[in-house]
Amino acid sequence: MKIDNSLITLSGRHYENKVSTRYESMSFRFSRPSDRTEILRQPSDMIHISNHTASEKAGTSNTVSFELTPEDKQKIQLLEKLIYLLTGKRIKFRMLEIRGSKGGNSNDIQSATSDGASQTTNTVGWSFIYDYKETYSENEQLSFNASGVVTTKDGMKINININVNMNRSFYSERAINIRAGDAAKDPLVINFDGLGAQLGQKNFVFDIDADGTTDQLHQLMKGSGFLARDINGNGIIDDGRELFGPTTGDGFQELTQFDDDANGWIDENDDVFDKLRIWEIDSDGHHILTALGQKGIGAIYLGNLDLPFALKDSSNNLHGKIKSTGIMLKEDGTSGIVQQIDMVV
């Protein structure tokens, strides 16, 4: 072929986007029924645990001794090593002495000592929670367009119209979730009143981690309920295996396996939808199971954001912690909130 003349126009576009995210949180807690401790994060990555309710007064101070069992000490040492291997950060846990006052007359001193001895016999709970998540995504697109006319020496006329589109995407995710001690358990909660979840003062007994031992949990306030699935069909939510999140640490991810049409929603297209229930406990302690449709819920979105928020009472005692938040749609076109809550046991 011999080209006589040509008129060619070339155009194109290239787009590339790279996004990386990282989320990391860590908390350590120990408590007796009569007091709670909060997290003190130091710049040196050393975590000190101290009793915020203790106060210094005039008089003789007594030290409340707290000893971890050899098994617990071994667990904490393993956690320190594991965190270093995973993050490169050296973390050291240190238990500080808790001091209380014994001021007043001799009768008061005797009473305080007696009460203190009684308290130290109570079970001391502790928990360690570490969450790490990093994501990386790439998206690249190329478009190429060519148009024009070419005439050859022998008089052939060739019209050119070429469009080429290429694209690629990549996504990776790495998550680490560590729970130790009586670490909080995190079930999914449906908030059908449009507000965020709240935990009340009343407790209920439930085996949330399915280990055969019941736990004391704070009840959800009115307007919220646990997302549940009555697996054995006995009309009762028996333990944490029939909720979403307590046994895996990620209720939203658990739901994903039931998204039959892979549209990113749990809706009527999915077989599990009709089997899902909202589990509520009313003010009289009655357990109520309600189908999603009966609450007017039409779909639950599987996307969510990791946004922590502490749920505390008026005395600043930690009852739980919101871990992540997503949305759900109602049949009337309104929307609501779905949250994963770390519940302190």
Protein backbone atom coordinates (compact mmCIF):
# COMPACT_ATOMS: atom_id res chain seq x y z
CA MET A 1 0.00 0.00 0.00
CA LYS A 2 1.17 3.46 -0.95
CA ILE A 3 -0.37 6.40 0.86
CA ASP A 4 -1.18 9.42 -1.25
CA ASN A 5 -2.63 11.70 1.43
CA SER A 6 -4.34 11.47 4.80
CA LEU A 7 -6.16 13.44 7.43
CA ILE A 8 -5.96 11.78 10.84
CA THR A 9 -7.18 12.90 14.27
CA LEU A 10 -5.98 11.13 17.40
CA SER A 11 -7.34 11.70 20.88
CA GLY A 12 -7.16 9.89 24.14
CA ARG A 13 -7.48 10.03 27.88
CA HIS A 14 -5.69 8.35 30.74
CA TYR A 15 -6.89 8.19 34.33
CA GLU A 16 -5.17 6.57 37.29
CA ASN A 17 -6.14 6.64 40.95
CA LYS A 18 -4.42 5.00 43.91
CA VAL A 19 -5.93 5.08 47.39
CA SER A 20 -4.63 3.59 50.61
CA THR A 21 -6.28 3.75 54.02
CA ARG A 22 -5.22 2.61 57.46
CA TYR A 23 -7.19 2.30 60.68
CA GLU A 24 -5.76 1.16 64.00
CA SER A 25 -7.13 1.11 67.53
CA MET A 26 -6.11 -0.57 70.74
CA SER A 27 -7.56 -0.65 74.23
CA PHE A 28 -6.83 -2.44 77.46
CA ARG A 29 -9.24 -2.56 80.41
CA PHE A 30 -9.60 -4.19 83.78
CA SER A 31 -12.43 -3.75 86.24
CA ARG A 32 -14.15 -5.02 89.32
CA PRO A 33 -17.91 -4.74 89.65
CA SER A 34 -17.38 -1.62 91.79
CA ASP A 35 -15.05 0.26 89.50
CA ARG A 36 -13.92 0.65 85.91
CA THR A 37 -10.69 1.73 84.34
CA GLU A 38 -10.16 3.66 81.17
CA ILE A 39 -7.39 3.72 78.62
CA LEU A 40 -4.38 6.00 79.00
CA ARG A 41 -2.36 6.06 75.81
CA GLN A 42 1.13 7.41 76.35
CA PRO A 43 3.39 8.84 73.61
CA SER A 44 5.88 6.07 74.31
CA ASP A 45 3.20 3.49 73.46
CA MET A 46 3.21 2.33 77.08
CA ILE A 47 -0.28 1.77 78.44
CA HIS A 48 -0.80 2.49 82.13
CA ILE A 49 -3.96 1.29 83.81
CA SER A 50 -5.13 3.32 86.79
CA ASN A 51 -8.35 3.66 88.75
CA HIS A 52 -9.90 7.05 87.96
CA THR A 53 -12.36 6.79 90.85
CA ALA A 54 -9.65 6.64 93.50
CA SER A 55 -8.96 9.89 95.35
CA GLU A 56 -6.16 10.99 97.66
CA LYS A 57 -7.32 12.20 101.10
CA ALA A 58 -5.62 12.90 104.38
CA GLY A 59 -5.03 9.78 106.37
CA THR A 60 -3.36 6.42 105.94
CA SER A 61 -3.59 4.93 102.46
CA ASN A 62 -4.14 1.28 101.77
CA THR A 63 -3.03 -0.49 98.62
CA VAL A 64 -5.50 -2.70 96.83
CA SER A 65 -3.41 -5.48 95.37
CA PHE A 66 -4.30 -6.89 91.99
CA GLU A 67 -2.48 -9.91 90.70
CA LEU A 68 -2.87 -11.37 87.26
CA THR A 69 -2.88 -15.13 87.11
CA PRO A 70 0.20 -16.77 85.54
CA GLU A 71 -1.98 -17.71 82.58
CA ASP A 72 -3.11 -14.10 82.09
CA LYS A 73 0.47 -12.84 82.37
CA GLN A 74 1.53 -15.29 79.69
CA LYS A 75 -1.30 -14.12 77.44
CA ILE A 76 -0.29 -10.49 77.84
CA GLN A 77 3.35 -11.31 77.04
CA LEU A 78 2.23 -13.11 73.90
CA LEU A 79 0.08 -10.13 72.93
CA GLU A 80 3.03 -7.76 73.36
CA LYS A 81 5.14 -9.93 71.06
CA LEU A 82 2.34 -10.37 68.54
CA ILE A 83 1.67 -6.63 68.29
CA TYR A 84 5.38 -6.00 67.74
CA LEU A 85 5.52 -8.59 64.95
CA LEU A 86 2.42 -7.16 63.28
CA THR A 87 3.05 -3.43 63.64
CA GLY A 88 6.70 -2.96 64.55
CA LYS A 89 5.63 -1.13 67.71
CA ARG A 90 6.85 -2.24 71.10
CA ILE A 91 3.93 -2.16 73.53
CA LYS A 92 4.31 -2.70 77.26
CA PHE A 93 1.39 -3.30 79.61
CA ARG A 94 1.91 -2.28 83.21
CA MET A 95 -0.50 -2.69 86.11
CA LEU A 96 -0.26 0.20 88.57
CA GLU A 97 -1.15 -0.04 92.25
CA ILE A 98 -4.56 1.29 93.21
CA ARG A 99 -4.50 3.33 96.38
CA GLY A 100 -7.50 4.36 98.44
CA SER A 101 -7.77 6.40 101.64
CA LYS A 102 -8.64 5.23 105.13
CA GLY A 103 -9.22 8.57 106.82
CA GLY A 104 -11.56 9.08 109.80
CA ASN A 105 -11.88 7.45 113.22
CA SER A 106 -10.87 3.93 114.10
CA ASN A 107 -14.34 2.54 113.44
CA ASP A 108 -14.28 4.08 109.97
CA ILE A 109 -10.87 2.60 109.33
CA GLN A 110 -12.00 -0.86 110.36
CA SER A 111 -15.08 -0.58 108.15
CA ALA A 112 -13.09 0.60 105.15
CA THR A 113 -10.58 -2.20 105.57
CA SER A 114 -13.32 -4.77 105.84
CA ASP A 115 -15.08 -3.44 102.76
CA GLY A 116 -11.82 -3.38 100.84
CA ALA A 117 -11.12 -6.99 101.72
CA SER A 118 -14.56 -7.94 100.54
CA GLN A 119 -14.10 -6.13 97.26
CA THR A 120 -10.79 -7.74 96.44
CA THR A 121 -12.46 -11.12 96.47
CA ASN A 122 -14.71 -10.07 93.62
CA THR A 123 -13.78 -11.24 90.19
CA VAL A 124 -11.55 -8.84 88.34
CA GLY A 125 -12.21 -8.71 84.62
CA TRP A 126 -9.80 -7.59 81.97
CA SER A 127 -9.90 -7.26 78.25
CA PHE A 128 -7.58 -6.42 75.42
CA ILE A 129 -8.91 -5.29 72.05
CA TYR A 130 -6.76 -4.57 69.01
CA ASP A 131 -8.13 -3.75 65.57
CA TYR A 132 -6.06 -3.03 62.49
CA LYS A 133 -7.29 -2.59 58.95
CA GLU A 134 -5.54 -1.36 55.85
CA THR A 135 -6.85 -1.14 52.31
CA TYR A 136 -5.23 -0.38 48.99
CA SER A 137 -6.96 0.19 45.67
CA GLU A 138 -5.90 1.06 42.15
CA ASN A 139 -8.08 2.12 39.26
CA GLU A 140 -6.68 2.86 35.83
CA GLN A 141 -8.50 3.70 32.61
CA LEU A 142 -7.34 4.39 29.07
CA SER A 143 -9.38 5.54 26.12
CA PHE A 144 -7.99 5.98 22.60
CA ASN A 145 -9.84 7.39 19.59
CA ALA A 146 -8.68 7.67 16.01
CA SER A 147 -10.63 9.06 13.08
CA GLY A 148 -9.79 10.26 9.61
CA VAL A 149 -9.53 9.52 5.92
CA VAL A 150 -6.64 7.97 4.00
CA THR A 151 -6.30 7.92 0.21
CA THR A 152 -3.88 5.54 -1.48
CA LYS A 153 -1.98 6.00 -4.73
CA ASP A 154 -4.33 3.64 -6.53
CA GLY A 155 -7.35 5.75 -5.50
CA MET A 156 -8.62 3.69 -2.56
CA LYS A 157 -10.30 5.75 0.14
CA ILE A 158 -10.19 4.41 3.66
CA ASN A 159 -12.30 5.81 6.47
CA ILE A 160 -10.85 5.29 9.92
CA ASN A 161 -12.89 5.18 13.12
CA ILE A 162 -11.26 3.37 16.02
CA ASN A 163 -12.25 3.46 19.68
CA VAL A 164 -10.31 1.53 22.29
CA ASN A 165 -11.18 1.46 26.00
CA MET A 166 -9.07 -0.33 28.57
CA ASN A 167 -9.50 -0.42 32.32
CA ARG A 168 -8.24 -2.33 35.29
CA SER A 169 -8.82 -2.26 39.02
CA PHE A 170 -7.17 -3.79 42.03
CA TYR A 171 -8.26 -3.94 45.66
CA SER A 172 -6.61 -5.52 48.66
CA GLU A 173 -7.54 -5.51 52.31
CA ARG A 174 -5.76 -6.70 55.40
CA ALA A 175 -7.45 -6.84 58.76
CA ILE A 176 -6.25 -7.96 62.17
CA ASN A 177 -8.66 -8.34 65.08
CA ILE A 178 -7.40 -9.52 68.45
CA ARG A 179 -9.65 -10.12 71.45
CA ALA A 180 -8.35 -11.38 74.78
CA GLY A 181 -9.67 -11.69 78.31
CA ASP A 182 -13.31 -10.74 78.68
CA ALA A 183 -13.00 -8.58 75.58
CA ALA A 184 -16.08 -6.87 74.28
CA LYS A 185 -18.24 -8.75 71.79
CA ASP A 186 -19.61 -6.95 68.80
CA PRO A 187 -23.06 -7.86 67.42
CA LEU A 188 -24.90 -5.94 64.70
CA VAL A 189 -27.69 -3.68 65.93
CA ILE A 190 -30.62 -2.35 63.89
CA ASN A 191 -31.75 1.13 64.93
CA PHE A 192 -35.27 1.32 63.53
CA ASP A 193 -36.16 4.62 65.21
CA GLY A 194 -33.61 6.53 63.12
CA LEU A 195 -31.26 7.28 66.02
CA GLY A 196 -27.96 5.72 67.04
CA ALA A 197 -27.79 2.80 69.46
CA GLN A 198 -27.71 3.40 73.21
CA LEU A 199 -27.12 1.01 76.10
CA GLY A 200 -29.16 1.29 79.30
CA GLN A 201 -28.44 0.49 82.93
CA LYS A 202 -30.40 -2.76 82.98
CA ASN A 203 -28.52 -5.98 82.35
CA PHE A 204 -29.55 -9.25 80.79
CA VAL A 205 -27.90 -12.68 80.80
CA PHE A 206 -26.79 -14.16 77.48
CA ASP A 207 -23.99 -16.42 76.23
CA ILE A 208 -22.75 -13.94 73.64
CA ASP A 209 -19.48 -15.70 72.79
CA ALA A 210 -21.08 -19.17 72.66
CA ASP A 211 -18.59 -20.65 75.13
CA GLY A 212 -21.21 -22.29 77.32
CA THR A 213 -21.04 -19.59 80.01
CA THR A 214 -23.57 -16.78 80.27
CA ASP A 215 -22.44 -13.15 80.33
CA GLN A 216 -23.91 -9.99 81.84
CA LEU A 217 -24.68 -7.46 79.10
CA HIS A 218 -26.31 -4.05 79.10
CA GLN A 219 -29.68 -3.92 77.37
CA LEU A 220 -30.25 -1.85 74.26
CA MET A 221 -32.49 1.15 74.72
CA LYS A 222 -35.92 1.24 73.09
CA GLY A 223 -35.80 1.71 69.33
CA SER A 224 -32.92 -0.71 68.71
CA GLY A 225 -32.59 -4.47 68.43
CA PHE A 226 -29.99 -7.11 67.61
CA LEU A 227 -29.97 -8.51 64.08
CA ALA A 228 -30.47 -12.23 64.58
CA ARG A 229 -31.08 -15.51 62.77
CA ASP A 230 -32.91 -18.29 64.60
CA ILE A 231 -30.77 -21.06 63.13
CA ASN A 232 -32.41 -24.00 64.93
CA GLY A 233 -35.92 -22.57 64.59
CA ASN A 234 -36.80 -22.86 68.28
CA GLY A 235 -38.08 -19.29 68.53
CA ILE A 236 -35.23 -18.33 70.87
CA ILE A 237 -31.87 -16.68 70.28
CA ASP A 238 -29.76 -19.22 72.14
CA ASP A 239 -26.29 -17.68 72.01
CA GLY A 240 -23.94 -15.45 70.01
CA ARG A 241 -23.84 -17.85 67.07
CA GLU A 242 -27.34 -16.68 66.17
CA LEU A 243 -26.26 -13.04 66.05
CA PHE A 244 -23.96 -11.40 63.52
CA GLY A 245 -20.51 -10.44 64.80
CA PRO A 246 -19.85 -11.94 68.26
CA THR A 247 -18.02 -15.03 67.00
CA THR A 248 -16.15 -13.36 64.12
CA GLY A 249 -15.68 -9.73 65.12
CA ASP A 250 -17.22 -8.46 61.87
CA GLY A 251 -20.99 -8.72 61.54
CA PHE A 252 -21.13 -6.86 58.23
CA GLN A 253 -18.66 -9.32 56.71
CA GLU A 254 -20.73 -12.22 58.05
CA LEU A 255 -23.78 -10.85 56.27
CA THR A 256 -21.86 -10.65 52.99
CA GLN A 257 -21.89 -14.43 52.56
CA PHE A 258 -25.71 -14.28 52.30
CA ASP A 259 -25.73 -11.70 49.48
CA ASP A 260 -26.84 -14.21 46.82
CA ASP A 261 -27.00 -11.74 43.93
CA ALA A 262 -23.84 -9.86 45.00
CA ASN A 263 -25.53 -6.46 44.75
CA GLY A 264 -24.07 -5.20 48.03
CA TRP A 265 -27.42 -5.41 49.86
CA ILE A 266 -29.27 -7.98 51.92
CA ASP A 267 -32.76 -7.70 50.45
CA GLU A 268 -35.67 -9.84 49.27
CA ASN A 269 -33.47 -11.23 46.48
CA ASP A 270 -31.50 -13.11 49.14
CA ASP A 271 -32.80 -16.31 50.74
CA VAL A 272 -31.68 -15.22 54.21
CA PHE A 273 -33.84 -12.08 54.22
CA ASP A 274 -37.03 -13.82 55.36
CA LYS A 275 -35.07 -15.65 58.07
CA LEU A 276 -33.61 -12.54 59.68
CA ARG A 277 -35.12 -11.25 62.89
CA ILE A 278 -34.80 -8.23 65.15
CA TRP A 279 -34.29 -9.36 68.73
CA GLU A 280 -35.52 -6.93 71.37
CA ILE A 281 -35.76 -7.12 75.15
CA ASP A 282 -38.48 -4.88 76.58
CA SER A 283 -38.51 -3.06 79.92
CA ASP A 284 -40.09 -6.10 81.61
CA GLY A 285 -37.36 -8.42 80.35
CA HIS A 286 -39.50 -10.11 77.70
CA HIS A 287 -37.64 -11.31 74.61
CA ILE A 288 -39.29 -10.36 71.31
CA LEU A 289 -38.38 -11.64 67.83
CA THR A 290 -39.72 -9.64 64.88
CA ALA A 291 -39.26 -10.23 61.13
CA LEU A 292 -37.61 -7.40 59.20
CA GLY A 293 -40.75 -6.88 57.13
CA GLN A 294 -42.84 -6.39 60.25
CA LYS A 295 -40.59 -3.46 61.15
CA GLY A 296 -40.87 -2.11 57.61
CA ILE A 297 -37.21 -2.84 56.82
CA GLY A 298 -36.62 -3.60 53.14
CA ALA A 299 -32.85 -3.84 52.71
CA ILE A 300 -29.57 -3.70 54.65
CA TYR A 301 -26.50 -2.19 52.99
CA LEU A 302 -23.29 -4.15 53.47
CA GLY A 303 -20.99 -1.14 53.22
CA ASN A 304 -19.93 0.51 56.47
CA LEU A 305 -17.42 2.87 58.02
CA ASP A 306 -15.19 2.21 61.02
CA LEU A 307 -16.19 5.08 63.32
CA PRO A 308 -15.62 4.40 67.04
CA PHE A 309 -17.79 6.01 69.70
CA ALA A 310 -17.89 5.17 73.43
CA LEU A 311 -21.22 4.32 75.05
CA LYS A 312 -20.98 5.37 78.70
CA ASP A 313 -23.38 6.07 81.54
CA SER A 314 -23.70 9.27 83.58
CA SER A 315 -20.85 8.11 85.84
CA ASN A 316 -18.57 7.63 82.82
CA ASN A 317 -18.61 3.82 83.09
CA LEU A 318 -18.03 2.16 79.75
CA HIS A 319 -20.90 -0.12 78.71
CA GLY A 320 -19.90 -0.60 75.09
CA LYS A 321 -18.40 1.02 72.05
CA ILE A 322 -19.77 1.61 68.58
CA LYS A 323 -17.30 0.06 66.17
CA SER A 324 -18.77 0.68 62.71
CA THR A 325 -21.88 2.19 61.14
CA GLY A 326 -23.89 1.45 58.00
CA ILE A 327 -27.40 2.03 56.68
CA MET A 328 -30.65 0.22 55.94
CA LEU A 329 -33.71 1.13 53.87
CA LYS A 330 -37.35 0.96 54.89
CA GLU A 331 -40.27 0.06 52.66
CA ASP A 332 -41.68 3.60 52.97
CA GLY A 333 -38.52 5.05 51.39
CA THR A 334 -36.93 6.31 54.58
CA SER A 335 -33.58 5.09 55.86
CA GLY A 336 -32.07 4.04 59.16
CA ILE A 337 -28.83 3.07 60.85
CA VAL A 338 -27.13 -0.30 61.35
CA GLN A 339 -24.25 -0.38 63.83
CA GLN A 340 -21.77 -2.90 65.13
CA ILE A 341 -21.33 -2.49 68.88
CA ASP A 342 -18.56 -3.82 71.10
CA MET A 343 -20.47 -4.79 74.23
CA VAL A 344 -18.51 -4.98 77.47
CA VAL A 345 -19.23 -8.22 79.30
